[in-house]
C-alpha atoms as a PDB file:
ATOM      1  CA  MET A   1     -47.621  47.920 -41.962  1.00  0.00           C
ATOM      2  CA  MET A   2     -49.872  50.966 -40.440  1.00  0.00           C
ATOM      3  CA  ARG A   3     -51.366  47.547 -38.826  1.00  0.00           C
ATOM      4  CA  ALA A   4     -48.573  46.023 -37.379  1.00  0.00           C
ATOM      5  CA  GLY A   5     -47.451  48.918 -36.211  1.00  0.00           C
ATOM      6  CA  ALA A   6     -51.300  49.457 -34.405  1.00  0.00           C
ATOM      7  CA  LEU A   7     -51.458  45.831 -33.781  1.00  0.00           C
ATOM      8  CA  ILE A   8     -47.838  46.272 -31.598  1.00  0.00           C
ATOM      9  CA  GLY A   9     -49.036  48.828 -29.839  1.00  0.00           C
ATOM     10  CA  VAL A  10     -52.220  47.319 -28.817  1.00  0.00           C
ATOM     11  CA  LEU A  11     -50.820  43.878 -27.544  1.00  0.00           C
ATOM     12  CA  ALA A  12     -48.651  46.234 -25.454  1.00  0.00           C
ATOM     13  CA  CYS A  13     -51.178  47.911 -23.912  1.00  0.00           C
ATOM     14  CA  VAL A  14     -53.121  44.633 -23.096  1.00  0.00           C
ATOM     15  CA  ALA A  15     -49.762  43.538 -21.093  1.00  0.00           C
ATOM     16  CA  LEU A  16     -49.417  46.289 -19.407  1.00  0.00           C
ATOM     17  CA  ALA A  17     -52.960  45.814 -18.021  1.00  0.00           C
ATOM     18  CA  ALA A  18     -52.406  42.331 -17.465  1.00  0.00           C
ATOM     19  CA  CYS A  19     -49.507  43.876 -14.765  1.00  0.00           C
ATOM     20  CA  GLU A  20     -52.269  45.859 -13.139  1.00  0.00           C
ATOM     21  CA  LEU A  21     -53.709  44.073 -10.226  1.00  0.00           C
ATOM     22  CA  PRO A  22     -57.026  44.845  -9.564  1.00  0.00           C
ATOM     23  CA  GLY A  23     -57.594  46.392  -6.023  1.00  0.00           C
ATOM     24  CA  GLY A  24     -54.597  48.460  -6.029  1.00  0.00           C
ATOM     25  CA  GLU A  25     -52.436  45.967  -5.523  1.00  0.00           C
ATOM     26  CA  ALA A  26     -48.572  46.052  -6.395  1.00  0.00           C
ATOM     27  CA  ARG A  27     -47.522  44.016  -9.879  1.00  0.00           C
ATOM     28  CA  PRO A  28     -45.747  40.902  -9.355  1.00  0.00           C
ATOM     29  CA  SER A  29     -41.996  42.286  -9.438  1.00  0.00           C
ATOM     30  CA  GLU A  30     -42.998  44.745  -6.965  1.00  0.00           C
ATOM     31  CA  ALA A  31     -44.683  41.842  -4.321  1.00  0.00           C
ATOM     32  CA  ARG A  32     -42.028  41.617  -1.298  1.00  0.00           C
ATOM     33  CA  VAL A  33     -40.826  38.231  -0.649  1.00  0.00           C
ATOM     34  CA  VAL A  34     -40.687  37.072   3.078  1.00  0.00           C
ATOM     35  CA  PRO A  35     -38.312  35.022   3.939  1.00  0.00           C
ATOM     36  CA  ALA A  36     -39.261  31.316   5.808  1.00  0.00           C
ATOM     37  CA  PRO A  37     -38.975  30.664   8.835  1.00  0.00           C
ATOM     38  CA  ARG A  38     -36.073  29.378   9.930  1.00  0.00           C
ATOM     39  CA  GLU A  39     -35.525  25.809  11.148  1.00  0.00           C
ATOM     40  CA  ARG A  40     -33.446  25.337  14.477  1.00  0.00           C
ATOM     41  CA  VAL A  41     -30.689  23.406  14.177  1.00  0.00           C
ATOM     42  CA  ILE A  42     -29.583  21.271  16.965  1.00  0.00           C
ATOM     43  CA  VAL A  43     -25.161  20.642  17.356  1.00  0.00           C
ATOM     44  CA  ARG A  44     -24.524  17.655  18.774  1.00  0.00           C
ATOM     45  CA  SER A  45     -21.012  16.567  20.158  1.00  0.00           C
ATOM     46  CA  PRO A  46     -19.200  13.914  17.916  1.00  0.00           C
ATOM     47  CA  ALA A  47     -20.280  10.383  19.450  1.00  0.00           C
ATOM     48  CA  TYR A  48     -16.240   8.581  20.192  1.00  0.00           C
ATOM     49  CA  THR A  49     -16.622   5.674  17.755  1.00  0.00           C
ATOM     50  CA  SER A  50     -14.647   2.913  16.849  1.00  0.00           C
ATOM     51  CA  ALA A  51     -12.410   4.797  14.179  1.00  0.00           C
ATOM     52  CA  ASP A  52     -11.358   7.208  17.179  1.00  0.00           C
ATOM     53  CA  GLU A  53     -10.590   4.645  19.832  1.00  0.00           C
ATOM     54  CA  LEU A  54      -8.037   2.517  17.059  1.00  0.00           C
ATOM     55  CA  ALA A  55      -7.000   5.991  15.681  1.00  0.00           C
ATOM     56  CA  ALA A  56      -5.879   6.641  19.501  1.00  0.00           C
ATOM     57  CA  TYR A  57      -4.494   2.533  19.912  1.00  0.00           C
ATOM     58  CA  LEU A  58      -2.142   3.695  16.928  1.00  0.00           C
ATOM     59  CA  ALA A  59      -0.807   7.265  18.247  1.00  0.00           C
ATOM     60  CA  LYS A  60       0.051   5.022  21.314  1.00  0.00           C
ATOM     61  CA  LEU A  61       1.991   2.045  19.521  1.00  0.00           C
ATOM     62  CA  ARG A  62       3.805   4.629  17.402  1.00  0.00           C
ATOM     63  CA  GLY A  63       5.859   6.175  20.532  1.00  0.00           C
ATOM     64  CA  MET A  64       6.374   2.400  21.345  1.00  0.00           C
ATOM     65  CA  ASN A  65      10.639   1.445  21.012  1.00  0.00           C
ATOM     66  CA  GLU A  66      10.711  -2.201  19.352  1.00  0.00           C
ATOM     67  CA  THR A  67      10.853  -4.559  22.398  1.00  0.00           C
ATOM     68  CA  ALA A  68       7.874  -2.506  23.975  1.00  0.00           C
ATOM     69  CA  LEU A  69       5.772  -2.707  20.652  1.00  0.00           C
ATOM     70  CA  ALA A  70       6.714  -7.054  20.963  1.00  0.00           C
ATOM     71  CA  ALA A  71       5.179  -7.411  24.913  1.00  0.00           C
ATOM     72  CA  GLU A  72       2.630  -5.091  23.850  1.00  0.00           C
ATOM     73  CA  ALA A  73       1.753  -7.557  21.045  1.00  0.00           C
ATOM     74  CA  THR A  74       2.352 -10.258  23.234  1.00  0.00           C
ATOM     75  CA  LYS A  75      -0.392  -8.865  25.783  1.00  0.00           C
ATOM     76  CA  GLN A  76      -2.996  -8.106  23.019  1.00  0.00           C
ATOM     77  CA  LYS A  77      -2.929 -11.214  21.947  1.00  0.00           C
ATOM     78  CA  ARG A  78      -3.644 -12.893  24.949  1.00  0.00           C
ATOM     79  CA  ALA A  79      -6.749 -10.604  25.485  1.00  0.00           C
ATOM     80  CA  ALA A  80      -8.013 -11.625  22.106  1.00  0.00           C
ATOM     81  CA  ALA A  81      -7.900 -15.289  22.746  1.00  0.00           C
ATOM     82  CA  ALA A  82     -10.187 -14.575  25.558  1.00  0.00           C
ATOM     83  CA  LYS A  83     -13.317 -15.969  24.731  1.00  0.00           C
ATOM     84  CA  ASN A  84     -15.330 -12.302  25.596  1.00  0.00           C
ATOM     85  CA  ALA A  85     -12.825 -10.721  23.464  1.00  0.00           C
ATOM     86  CA  ASP A  86     -14.548  -8.170  21.249  1.00  0.00           C
ATOM     87  CA  ASP A  87     -13.789  -7.025  17.504  1.00  0.00           C
ATOM     88  CA  LEU A  88     -12.020  -4.126  18.243  1.00  0.00           C
ATOM     89  CA  GLN A  89      -9.905  -6.529  20.825  1.00  0.00           C
ATOM     90  CA  ARG A  90      -9.012  -8.311  18.235  1.00  0.00           C
ATOM     91  CA  LEU A  91      -8.304  -5.162  15.685  1.00  0.00           C
ATOM     92  CA  ARG A  92      -5.499  -4.102  18.256  1.00  0.00           C
ATOM     93  CA  ALA A  93      -4.266  -7.883  18.574  1.00  0.00           C
ATOM     94  CA  ALA A  94      -3.814  -7.377  14.457  1.00  0.00           C
ATOM     95  CA  ILE A  95      -2.811  -4.020  14.858  1.00  0.00           C
ATOM     96  CA  ALA A  96       0.197  -4.449  17.658  1.00  0.00           C
ATOM     97  CA  LEU A  97       0.822  -7.872  15.331  1.00  0.00           C
ATOM     98  CA  SER A  98       1.262  -5.922  12.162  1.00  0.00           C
ATOM     99  CA  LEU A  99       3.453  -3.922  13.829  1.00  0.00           C
ATOM    100  CA  SER A 100       5.831  -6.339  15.457  1.00  0.00           C
ATOM    101  CA  PRO A 101       8.973  -6.624  13.305  1.00  0.00           C
ATOM    102  CA  GLN A 102       8.714 -10.453  15.192  1.00  0.00           C
ATOM    103  CA  ALA A 103       5.148 -11.424  14.362  1.00  0.00           C
ATOM    104  CA  GLU A 104       3.702 -13.660  11.917  1.00  0.00           C
ATOM    105  CA  ASP A 105       1.287 -12.443   8.930  1.00  0.00           C
ATOM    106  CA  ALA A 106      -0.988 -15.574   9.155  1.00  0.00           C
ATOM    107  CA  GLU A 107      -1.389 -14.335  12.870  1.00  0.00           C
ATOM    108  CA  VAL A 108      -2.484 -10.943  11.325  1.00  0.00           C
ATOM    109  CA  ALA A 109      -4.712 -11.887   8.836  1.00  0.00           C
ATOM    110  CA  ALA A 110      -6.051 -15.406  11.847  1.00  0.00           C
ATOM    111  CA  LEU A 111      -7.638 -12.221  13.463  1.00  0.00           C
ATOM    112  CA  ALA A 112      -8.692  -9.259  10.912  1.00  0.00           C
ATOM    113  CA  GLU A 113     -10.388 -11.598   8.106  1.00  0.00           C
ATOM    114  CA  PRO A 114     -13.241 -13.005   9.961  1.00  0.00           C
ATOM    115  CA  ILE A 115     -14.287  -9.434  10.813  1.00  0.00           C
ATOM    116  CA  ALA A 116     -13.276  -8.283   7.523  1.00  0.00           C
ATOM    117  CA  LYS A 117     -15.720 -10.984   6.608  1.00  0.00           C
ATOM    118  CA  ARG A 118     -18.632 -10.402   8.740  1.00  0.00           C
ATOM    119  CA  ASP A 119     -21.486  -8.411   6.752  1.00  0.00           C
ATOM    120  CA  GLY A 120     -22.811  -7.343  10.937  1.00  0.00           C
ATOM    121  CA  ALA A 121     -19.443  -5.810  12.079  1.00  0.00           C
ATOM    122  CA  ASP A 122     -19.257  -2.296  12.657  1.00  0.00           C
ATOM    123  CA  ALA A 123     -18.006  -0.617   9.481  1.00  0.00           C
ATOM    124  CA  ASN A 124     -14.798   1.343  11.197  1.00  0.00           C
ATOM    125  CA  ALA A 125     -13.784  -1.923  12.166  1.00  0.00           C
ATOM    126  CA  ARG A 126     -14.522  -3.965   9.412  1.00  0.00           C
ATOM    127  CA  ALA A 127     -12.250  -1.093   7.346  1.00  0.00           C
ATOM    128  CA  MET A 128      -9.509  -1.317   9.153  1.00  0.00           C
ATOM    129  CA  ALA A 129      -9.707  -5.107   9.058  1.00  0.00           C
ATOM    130  CA  SER A 130      -9.673  -5.272   5.571  1.00  0.00           C
ATOM    131  CA  PHE A 131      -6.631  -2.709   5.286  1.00  0.00           C
ATOM    132  CA  LEU A 132      -4.708  -4.637   7.775  1.00  0.00           C
ATOM    133  CA  LEU A 133      -5.223  -7.627   5.448  1.00  0.00           C
ATOM    134  CA  LEU A 134      -3.874  -6.010   2.572  1.00  0.00           C
ATOM    135  CA  PHE A 135      -0.807  -4.642   4.639  1.00  0.00           C
ATOM    136  CA  SER A 136      -0.670  -8.494   5.542  1.00  0.00           C
ATOM    137  CA  ALA A 137      -0.778 -10.003   2.109  1.00  0.00           C
ATOM    138  CA  GLU A 138       1.786  -7.257   1.162  1.00  0.00           C
ATOM    139  CA  ARG A 139       4.268  -7.239   3.434  1.00  0.00           C
ATOM    140  CA  ARG A 140       4.068 -11.323   3.067  1.00  0.00           C
ATOM    141  CA  ARG A 141       4.413 -10.828  -0.436  1.00  0.00           C
ATOM    142  CA  LEU A 142       8.085  -8.313   0.284  1.00  0.00           C
ATOM    143  CA  ARG A 143       9.538 -10.731   3.035  1.00  0.00           C
ATOM    144  CA  GLU A 144       8.705 -13.780   0.323  1.00  0.00           C
ATOM    145  CA  ALA A 145      10.255 -12.142  -2.306  1.00  0.00           C
ATOM    146  CA  ALA A 146      13.371 -10.607  -0.352  1.00  0.00           C
ATOM    147  CA  ALA A 147      13.951 -14.210   1.311  1.00  0.00           C
ATOM    148  CA  ALA A 148      14.021 -15.348  -3.065  1.00  0.00           C
ATOM    149  CA  ALA A 149      16.131 -12.856  -3.698  1.00  0.00           C
ATOM    150  CA  ARG A 150      18.512 -13.727  -0.935  1.00  0.00           C
ATOM    151  CA  ILE A 151      18.480 -17.143  -2.124  1.00  0.00           C
ATOM    152  CA  ASN A 152      19.061 -16.089  -5.551  1.00  0.00           C
ATOM    153  CA  VAL A 153      22.279 -14.268  -4.028  1.00  0.00           C
ATOM    154  CA  ARG A 154      23.894 -16.727  -2.610  1.00  0.00           C
ATOM    155  CA  GLU A 155      23.861 -19.046  -5.769  1.00  0.00           C
ATOM    156  CA  GLU A 156      24.937 -16.643  -7.170  1.00  0.00           C
ATOM    157  CA  LYS A 157      28.070 -16.110  -5.122  1.00  0.00           C
ATOM    158  CA  ARG A 158      28.265 -20.358  -5.260  1.00  0.00           C
ATOM    159  CA  ALA A 159      28.345 -19.716  -8.918  1.00  0.00           C
ATOM    160  CA  THR A 160      30.129 -17.032  -9.390  1.00  0.00           C
ATOM    161  CA  GLU A 161      33.117 -18.568  -6.889  1.00  0.00           C
ATOM    162  CA  THR A 162      33.168 -22.318  -8.936  1.00  0.00           C
ATOM    163  CA  GLN A 163      33.768 -20.261 -11.727  1.00  0.00           C
ATOM    164  CA  ARG A 164      36.313 -18.102  -9.717  1.00  0.00           C
ATOM    165  CA  GLN A 165      37.836 -21.547  -9.353  1.00  0.00           C
ATOM    166  CA  ARG A 166      37.403 -23.364 -12.566  1.00  0.00           C
ATOM    167  CA  ALA A 167      38.766 -20.079 -14.069  1.00  0.00           C
ATOM    168  CA  ASP A 168      41.733 -20.737 -11.744  1.00  0.00           C
ATOM    169  CA  ALA A 169      42.359 -24.435 -12.356  1.00  0.00           C
ATOM    170  CA  LEU A 170      42.165 -23.673 -15.945  1.00  0.00           C
ATOM    171  CA  GLN A 171      45.407 -21.364 -15.878  1.00  0.00           C
ATOM    172  CA  GLU A 172      47.189 -23.117 -13.645  1.00  0.00           C
ATOM    173  CA  ARG A 173      46.808 -26.311 -16.421  1.00  0.00           C
ATOM    174  CA  ALA A 174      47.612 -23.407 -18.949  1.00  0.00           C
ATOM    175  CA  ALA A 175      50.481 -22.787 -17.350  1.00  0.00           C
ATOM    176  CA  GLN A 176      51.835 -26.499 -17.122  1.00  0.00           C
ATOM    177  CA  LEU A 177      51.118 -27.224 -20.630  1.00  0.00           C
ATOM    178  CA  GLN A 178      53.286 -24.051 -21.433  1.00  0.00           C
ATOM    179  CA  GLN A 179      55.825 -24.791 -19.300  1.00  0.00           C
ATOM    180  CA  LYS A 180      55.376 -28.800 -21.238  1.00  0.00           C
ATOM    181  CA  LEU A 181      55.763 -26.572 -24.359  1.00  0.00           C
ATOM    182  CA  ASP A 182      58.177 -24.901 -23.195  1.00  0.00           C
ATOM    183  CA  ALA A 183      60.643 -28.075 -22.523  1.00  0.00           C
ATOM    184  CA  LEU A 184      59.839 -29.242 -25.831  1.00  0.00           C
ATOM    185  CA  THR A 185      60.581 -25.871 -27.481  1.00  0.00           C
ATOM    186  CA  GLU A 186      63.676 -26.339 -25.689  1.00  0.00           C
ATOM    187  CA  LEU A 187      64.616 -29.339 -26.386  1.00  0.00           C
ATOM    188  CA  GLU A 188      63.976 -29.467 -30.308  1.00  0.00           C
ATOM    189  CA  LYS A 189      66.278 -26.232 -30.414  1.00  0.00           C
ATOM    190  CA  SER A 190      69.095 -28.299 -28.604  1.00  0.00           C
ATOM    191  CA  LEU A 191      68.517 -30.962 -30.707  1.00  0.00           C
ATOM    192  CA  SER A 192      68.572 -28.873 -34.280  1.00  0.00           C
ATOM    193  CA  ASP A 193      72.222 -27.289 -32.779  1.00  0.00           C
ATOM    194  CA  ARG A 194      74.191 -30.457 -32.160  1.00  0.00           C
ATOM    195  CA  PRO A 195      76.451 -31.712 -35.643  1.00  0.00           C
ATOM    196  CA  PRO A 196      75.520 -33.612 -37.846  1.00  0.00           C
ATOM    197  CA  PRO A 197      77.043 -36.742 -36.840  1.00  0.00           C
ATOM    198  CA  ALA A 198      80.207 -37.516 -38.732  1.00  0.00           C
ATOM    199  CA  GLN A 199      79.898 -40.474 -41.592  1.00  0.00           C
END
């Protein structure tokens, strides 16, 4: 037991001695931390990107009424058809067409699809083109569903009208049969009320 206590004491002394450095230097726990030199940070103003341009164009379109939107879509469509038209011009046309109620979804897809599929296209332009493709496909699906619903409503109205006419005809037929039945009942009653012939 005594040996164990002595051994612990010796180990403690060795540990303390190891913490003191030669030459009277400070212990590592007391060493000063010198901060690393600061790096210079250069703040650059953000460049005007294609996303900024498309967002500004969308903001412009948002303030237009339906007539102005249709005119803008026609103008942008003509500009996109020019030989020197770039991706942003085609996207402006696709955006204007997608917001115009009279435009065809196939026109939007025809303008946006090549940009969305081209690997070398600007990332922002590709993202907007992909969005426009999804938007036009969903709108086409909704328009087709609405057209099918209108056809179903017309057919149901026609079927209801046919059933109503059939019901009216059956009611009229039932009324005619009832009149005949009433006439036969009256005839039968009048015959039974007559006195038997004298013998």
